[in-house]
N, C-alpha and C. Protein backbone atom coordinates (compact mmCIF):
# COMPACT_ATOMS: atom_id res chain seq x y z
N UNK A 1 -42.06 -27.22 -24.67
CA UNK A 1 -41.57 -25.71 -23.86
C UNK A 1 -41.07 -25.30 -24.39
N UNK A 2 -41.10 -23.65 -24.61
CA UNK A 2 -40.20 -22.69 -24.47
C UNK A 2 -38.88 -22.19 -23.52
N UNK A 3 -38.42 -22.03 -23.34
CA UNK A 3 -37.02 -21.52 -22.65
C UNK A 3 -37.20 -19.85 -22.46
N UNK A 4 -37.64 -19.48 -21.67
CA UNK A 4 -37.71 -17.99 -21.11
C UNK A 4 -36.24 -17.68 -20.30
N UNK A 5 -35.56 -18.11 -20.61
CA UNK A 5 -33.95 -17.94 -20.07
C UNK A 5 -33.17 -16.52 -20.73
N UNK A 6 -33.31 -15.78 -20.78
CA UNK A 6 -32.17 -15.22 -21.78
C UNK A 6 -30.76 -16.09 -21.77
N UNK A 7 -30.47 -16.61 -23.67
CA UNK A 7 -29.14 -16.95 -23.71
C UNK A 7 -28.65 -16.25 -24.38
N UNK A 8 -27.53 -16.03 -23.83
CA UNK A 8 -26.01 -15.58 -24.28
C UNK A 8 -25.57 -15.89 -26.43
N UNK A 9 -25.35 -14.97 -27.19
CA UNK A 9 -24.72 -16.33 -28.31
C UNK A 9 -23.48 -16.81 -28.00
N UNK A 10 -22.62 -16.06 -26.72
CA UNK A 10 -21.21 -16.09 -27.12
C UNK A 10 -21.06 -17.07 -25.60
N UNK A 11 -20.19 -18.11 -25.37
CA UNK A 11 -20.07 -18.70 -24.62
C UNK A 11 -19.07 -18.34 -23.35
N UNK A 12 -18.92 -18.13 -22.44
CA UNK A 12 -17.67 -18.06 -21.14
C UNK A 12 -16.83 -17.92 -22.79
N UNK A 13 -16.63 -18.86 -22.64
CA UNK A 13 -14.91 -19.46 -23.14
C UNK A 13 -14.55 -18.52 -24.29
N UNK A 14 -15.68 -18.66 -25.15
CA UNK A 14 -15.37 -16.84 -26.28
C UNK A 14 -15.32 -15.36 -25.78
N UNK A 15 -16.16 -15.68 -25.16
CA UNK A 15 -16.15 -14.29 -24.50
C UNK A 15 -13.93 -14.12 -23.81
N UNK A 16 -13.50 -14.71 -22.95
CA UNK A 16 -12.50 -14.88 -22.73
C UNK A 16 -11.28 -14.41 -23.73
N UNK A 17 -11.63 -15.44 -24.98
CA UNK A 17 -11.14 -15.36 -25.43
C UNK A 17 -10.92 -14.36 -26.81
N UNK A 18 -11.93 -13.42 -26.56
CA UNK A 18 -11.92 -12.15 -27.39
C UNK A 18 -11.19 -10.48 -26.76
N UNK A 19 -11.40 -11.11 -24.57
CA UNK A 19 -10.76 -10.02 -24.37
C UNK A 19 -9.54 -10.70 -24.00
N UNK A 20 -8.55 -11.97 -24.54
CA UNK A 20 -7.86 -11.81 -24.61
C UNK A 20 -7.12 -11.20 -25.83
N UNK A 21 -7.48 -11.42 -27.05
CA UNK A 21 -7.36 -11.26 -28.43
C UNK A 21 -7.01 -9.73 -28.73
N UNK A 22 -8.42 -8.66 -27.58
CA UNK A 22 -7.66 -7.72 -27.20
C UNK A 22 -6.57 -7.11 -25.98
N UNK A 23 -6.27 -7.49 -25.30
CA UNK A 23 -5.55 -7.55 -24.59
C UNK A 23 -4.01 -7.79 -25.55
N UNK A 24 -4.17 -8.67 -26.22
CA UNK A 24 -2.80 -8.89 -26.93
C UNK A 24 -2.33 -8.15 -28.38
N UNK A 25 -3.09 -7.22 -28.59
CA UNK A 25 -3.78 -5.87 -29.80
C UNK A 25 -3.31 -5.28 -29.93
N UNK A 26 -3.30 -4.43 -28.13
CA UNK A 26 -2.94 -3.45 -27.16
C UNK A 26 -1.89 -3.22 -27.15
N UNK A 27 -0.98 -4.12 -26.20
CA UNK A 27 0.23 -5.38 -25.97
C UNK A 27 1.58 -4.83 -27.15
N UNK A 28 1.00 -5.13 -28.67
CA UNK A 28 1.36 -5.74 -30.25
C UNK A 28 1.47 -4.06 -30.98
N UNK A 29 0.84 -3.05 -30.65
CA UNK A 29 0.29 -2.66 -31.39
C UNK A 29 1.05 -1.46 -31.42
N UNK A 30 1.84 -0.58 -32.84
CA UNK A 30 3.22 0.05 -32.47
C UNK A 30 1.95 1.39 -32.43
N UNK A 31 3.12 2.53 -32.23
CA UNK A 31 3.04 3.46 -31.78
C UNK A 31 2.41 4.90 -33.31
N UNK A 32 1.42 5.48 -32.18
CA UNK A 32 1.13 5.94 -34.09
C UNK A 32 0.57 7.37 -33.11
N UNK A 33 1.87 7.67 -32.86
CA UNK A 33 1.64 9.51 -31.77
C UNK A 33 2.33 10.00 -33.15
N UNK A 34 2.76 9.58 -34.24
CA UNK A 34 3.85 10.61 -35.04
C UNK A 34 2.28 10.68 -36.58
N UNK A 35 1.54 9.76 -37.10
CA UNK A 35 0.30 9.97 -37.56
C UNK A 35 -0.71 10.60 -37.04
N UNK A 36 -1.51 10.69 -35.41
CA UNK A 36 -2.59 11.07 -34.95
C UNK A 36 -1.95 12.76 -34.67
N UNK A 37 -0.42 13.05 -34.39
CA UNK A 37 0.00 14.48 -34.74
C UNK A 37 -0.37 15.74 -36.50
N UNK A 38 0.46 14.17 -37.78
CA UNK A 38 -0.01 14.74 -38.81
C UNK A 38 -1.07 15.18 -39.12
N UNK A 39 -2.09 13.52 -38.72
CA UNK A 39 -3.35 14.06 -38.51
C UNK A 39 -4.36 15.06 -37.72
N UNK A 40 -3.54 15.68 -36.34
CA UNK A 40 -3.70 16.28 -35.80
C UNK A 40 -2.94 18.33 -36.95
N UNK A 41 -2.35 17.70 -37.13
CA UNK A 41 -1.81 19.33 -38.46
C UNK A 41 -3.08 19.54 -39.11
N UNK A 42 -3.04 18.93 -40.11
CA UNK A 42 -3.82 18.20 -41.11
C UNK A 42 -5.61 18.59 -40.75
N UNK A 43 -5.50 18.58 -39.75
CA UNK A 43 -6.96 18.28 -39.10
C UNK A 43 -7.28 20.14 -38.97
N UNK A 44 -6.34 21.07 -38.66
CA UNK A 44 -5.84 22.56 -38.40
C UNK A 44 -5.89 22.81 -39.94
N UNK A 45 -5.69 21.95 -40.81
CA UNK A 45 -5.11 23.02 -41.98
C UNK A 45 -6.75 22.71 -42.67
N UNK A 46 -7.20 22.17 -43.14
CA UNK A 46 -8.32 21.46 -43.73
C UNK A 46 -9.23 23.27 -42.55
N UNK A 47 -9.57 22.62 -41.73
CA UNK A 47 -10.32 24.15 -41.48
C UNK A 47 -10.29 25.09 -41.43
N UNK A 48 -9.33 25.31 -41.59
CA UNK A 48 -9.09 26.87 -42.24
C UNK A 48 -8.97 27.44 -43.74
N UNK A 49 -8.70 25.48 -44.11
CA UNK A 49 -8.74 26.36 -45.57
C UNK A 49 -10.03 26.04 -46.77
N UNK A 50 -10.45 24.76 -46.65
CA UNK A 50 -11.11 24.06 -47.20
C UNK A 50 -13.02 24.65 -46.56
N UNK A 51 -13.29 24.72 -45.23
CA UNK A 51 -14.59 25.49 -44.82
C UNK A 51 -14.71 26.05 -45.47
N UNK A 52 -15.86 26.86 -45.58
CA UNK A 52 -16.94 27.86 -45.29
C UNK A 52 -16.39 28.15 -43.61
N UNK A 53 -16.40 30.37 -44.63
CA UNK A 53 -16.50 30.38 -42.34
C UNK A 53 -18.27 29.97 -41.14
N UNK A 54 -19.23 29.73 -41.91
CA UNK A 54 -20.24 29.12 -41.41
C UNK A 54 -20.15 27.75 -41.05
N UNK A 55 -19.24 27.17 -41.83
CA UNK A 55 -18.95 25.02 -41.35
C UNK A 55 -17.77 25.78 -40.67
N UNK A 56 -17.16 26.80 -40.09
CA UNK A 56 -15.78 26.59 -39.47
C UNK A 56 -16.17 27.33 -38.48
N UNK A 57 -17.73 28.34 -37.96
CA UNK A 57 -17.96 28.94 -37.14
C UNK A 57 -19.44 27.41 -36.81
N UNK A 58 -19.74 27.21 -37.06
CA UNK A 58 -20.45 26.13 -36.48
C UNK A 58 -20.07 25.01 -35.86
N UNK A 59 -19.11 23.95 -36.69
CA UNK A 59 -18.00 23.35 -36.24
C UNK A 59 -17.47 23.96 -34.75
N UNK A 60 -16.73 25.14 -34.96
CA UNK A 60 -16.05 25.66 -33.38
C UNK A 60 -17.50 25.64 -32.66
N UNK A 61 -18.31 26.19 -32.71
CA UNK A 61 -19.99 26.14 -31.10
C UNK A 61 -19.62 23.81 -30.81
N UNK A 62 -19.77 23.70 -31.97
CA UNK A 62 -20.39 22.24 -31.70
C UNK A 62 -19.69 21.82 -31.12
N UNK A 63 -17.71 21.18 -31.42
CA UNK A 63 -16.57 20.90 -30.72
C UNK A 63 -16.10 21.06 -30.06
N UNK A 64 -15.64 22.55 -29.96
CA UNK A 64 -14.98 23.20 -29.82
C UNK A 64 -14.84 24.02 -28.08
N UNK A 65 -16.62 24.50 -28.20
CA UNK A 65 -17.25 24.67 -27.42
C UNK A 65 -17.93 24.51 -26.78
N UNK A 66 -18.51 22.95 -26.69
CA UNK A 66 -19.65 21.75 -26.76
C UNK A 66 -21.16 22.29 -26.86
N UNK A 67 -21.16 23.21 -27.79
CA UNK A 67 -22.54 23.62 -27.65
C UNK A 67 -23.91 22.60 -28.24
N UNK A 68 -24.67 22.63 -28.08
CA UNK A 68 -25.31 21.43 -28.32
C UNK A 68 -26.56 21.83 -30.02
N UNK A 69 -27.19 21.57 -30.63
CA UNK A 69 -27.75 22.31 -32.04
C UNK A 69 -28.26 22.94 -32.32
N UNK A 70 -29.47 23.06 -30.94
CA UNK A 70 -30.60 23.45 -30.29
C UNK A 70 -30.15 24.88 -30.29
N UNK A 71 -29.19 25.19 -29.42
CA UNK A 71 -28.38 26.16 -28.70
C UNK A 71 -27.81 27.24 -29.79
N UNK A 72 -27.03 26.02 -30.60
CA UNK A 72 -26.58 26.86 -31.60
C UNK A 72 -27.24 27.62 -32.85
N UNK A 73 -28.50 26.86 -32.78
CA UNK A 73 -29.47 27.36 -34.09
C UNK A 73 -29.78 28.96 -33.00
N UNK A 74 -30.42 28.63 -32.31
CA UNK A 74 -30.90 29.93 -31.35
C UNK A 74 -29.52 30.79 -31.43
N UNK A 75 -28.29 30.77 -30.92
CA UNK A 75 -27.53 31.42 -30.69
C UNK A 75 -27.35 32.52 -32.56
N UNK A 76 -27.65 31.61 -33.62
CA UNK A 76 -27.63 32.15 -34.40
C UNK A 76 -28.47 32.85 -35.60
N UNK A 77 -29.89 32.50 -35.26
CA UNK A 77 -30.86 32.83 -35.62
C UNK A 77 -30.76 31.62 -36.73
N UNK A 78 -30.51 30.60 -36.37
CA UNK A 78 -31.46 29.46 -38.02
C UNK A 78 -31.94 28.71 -37.40
N UNK A 79 -32.44 27.84 -38.14
CA UNK A 79 -33.39 26.30 -38.07
C UNK A 79 -31.98 25.27 -37.79
N UNK A 80 -32.73 24.74 -36.88
CA UNK A 80 -31.85 23.40 -36.10
C UNK A 80 -31.69 22.24 -37.41
N UNK A 81 -32.83 22.40 -38.19
CA UNK A 81 -32.31 21.73 -40.01
C UNK A 81 -31.05 22.72 -40.44
N UNK A 82 -31.02 23.49 -40.50
CA UNK A 82 -28.81 24.29 -41.14
C UNK A 82 -28.68 23.82 -40.27
N UNK A 83 -28.13 23.81 -38.99
CA UNK A 83 -27.37 23.80 -38.26
C UNK A 83 -26.85 22.06 -38.51
N UNK A 84 -27.55 21.45 -38.88
CA UNK A 84 -27.05 20.11 -38.62
C UNK A 84 -26.81 19.84 -39.65
N UNK A 85 -27.33 20.01 -41.21
CA UNK A 85 -27.02 20.48 -42.41
C UNK A 85 -24.82 20.73 -42.87
N UNK A 86 -25.40 21.72 -41.86
CA UNK A 86 -24.64 22.96 -42.39
C UNK A 86 -22.40 21.34 -41.46
N UNK A 87 -23.26 21.58 -40.37
CA UNK A 87 -22.02 20.17 -39.64
C UNK A 87 -22.16 19.34 -40.74
N UNK A 88 -23.80 18.36 -40.91
CA UNK A 88 -22.60 17.17 -41.75
C UNK A 88 -22.00 17.80 -43.03
N UNK A 89 -22.13 18.54 -43.62
CA UNK A 89 -21.43 18.84 -44.74
C UNK A 89 -19.66 19.26 -44.65
N UNK A 90 -19.61 19.70 -43.43
CA UNK A 90 -18.32 20.32 -42.69
C UNK A 90 -17.56 19.96 -42.50
N UNK A 91 -18.58 18.46 -41.67
CA UNK A 91 -18.24 17.02 -41.54
C UNK A 91 -17.43 16.27 -42.84
N UNK A 92 -18.23 15.89 -44.08
CA UNK A 92 -17.53 15.41 -45.28
C UNK A 92 -16.68 16.15 -46.04
N UNK A 93 -16.52 17.40 -46.27
CA UNK A 93 -15.19 18.40 -46.19
C UNK A 93 -14.36 17.82 -45.84
N UNK A 94 -14.04 17.49 -44.52
CA UNK A 94 -13.20 17.38 -43.73
C UNK A 94 -12.48 15.87 -44.31
N UNK A 95 -13.49 15.18 -43.83
CA UNK A 95 -12.97 13.36 -44.41
C UNK A 95 -12.72 12.99 -45.91
N UNK A 96 -13.01 13.84 -46.97
CA UNK A 96 -12.89 13.93 -48.08
C UNK A 96 -11.49 14.31 -48.50
N UNK A 97 -11.19 16.43 -47.50
CA UNK A 97 -9.72 16.60 -47.60
C UNK A 97 -9.00 15.00 -46.81
N UNK A 98 -9.22 15.04 -45.71
CA UNK A 98 -8.10 13.98 -44.57
C UNK A 98 -7.65 12.45 -45.06
N UNK A 99 -8.79 12.19 -45.79
CA UNK A 99 -8.78 10.38 -46.35
C UNK A 99 -7.96 10.08 -47.34
N UNK A 100 -6.61 11.48 -47.55
CA UNK A 100 -5.42 10.84 -48.51
C UNK A 100 -4.41 11.53 -47.60
N UNK A 101 -4.57 12.42 -46.98
CA UNK A 101 -3.56 13.30 -45.68
C UNK A 101 -2.73 11.59 -44.49
N UNK A 102 -3.60 10.48 -44.59
CA UNK A 102 -2.99 9.64 -43.69
C UNK A 102 -2.29 8.31 -44.85
């Protein structure tokens, strides 16, 4: 006869161990404030230097102003797929620029 009761792949002890490891990791993590500040500074520079004006505009509307892709498309008179592709390309360019800055 098949057991219909859901059984978790982790037992209670395993989940406690994972929780303890998470707490230990947080307590022993170093201060990343300097790296985060450098990343923020480099991100501002990358947005100014590496992106096209359209990519900067779409990033601003999406991340800074919190607009959705359909709303941006309507606002700029573009297809949603164009907005989505522009957003993806902008993120890819920023990633390529920033991955060496860390």
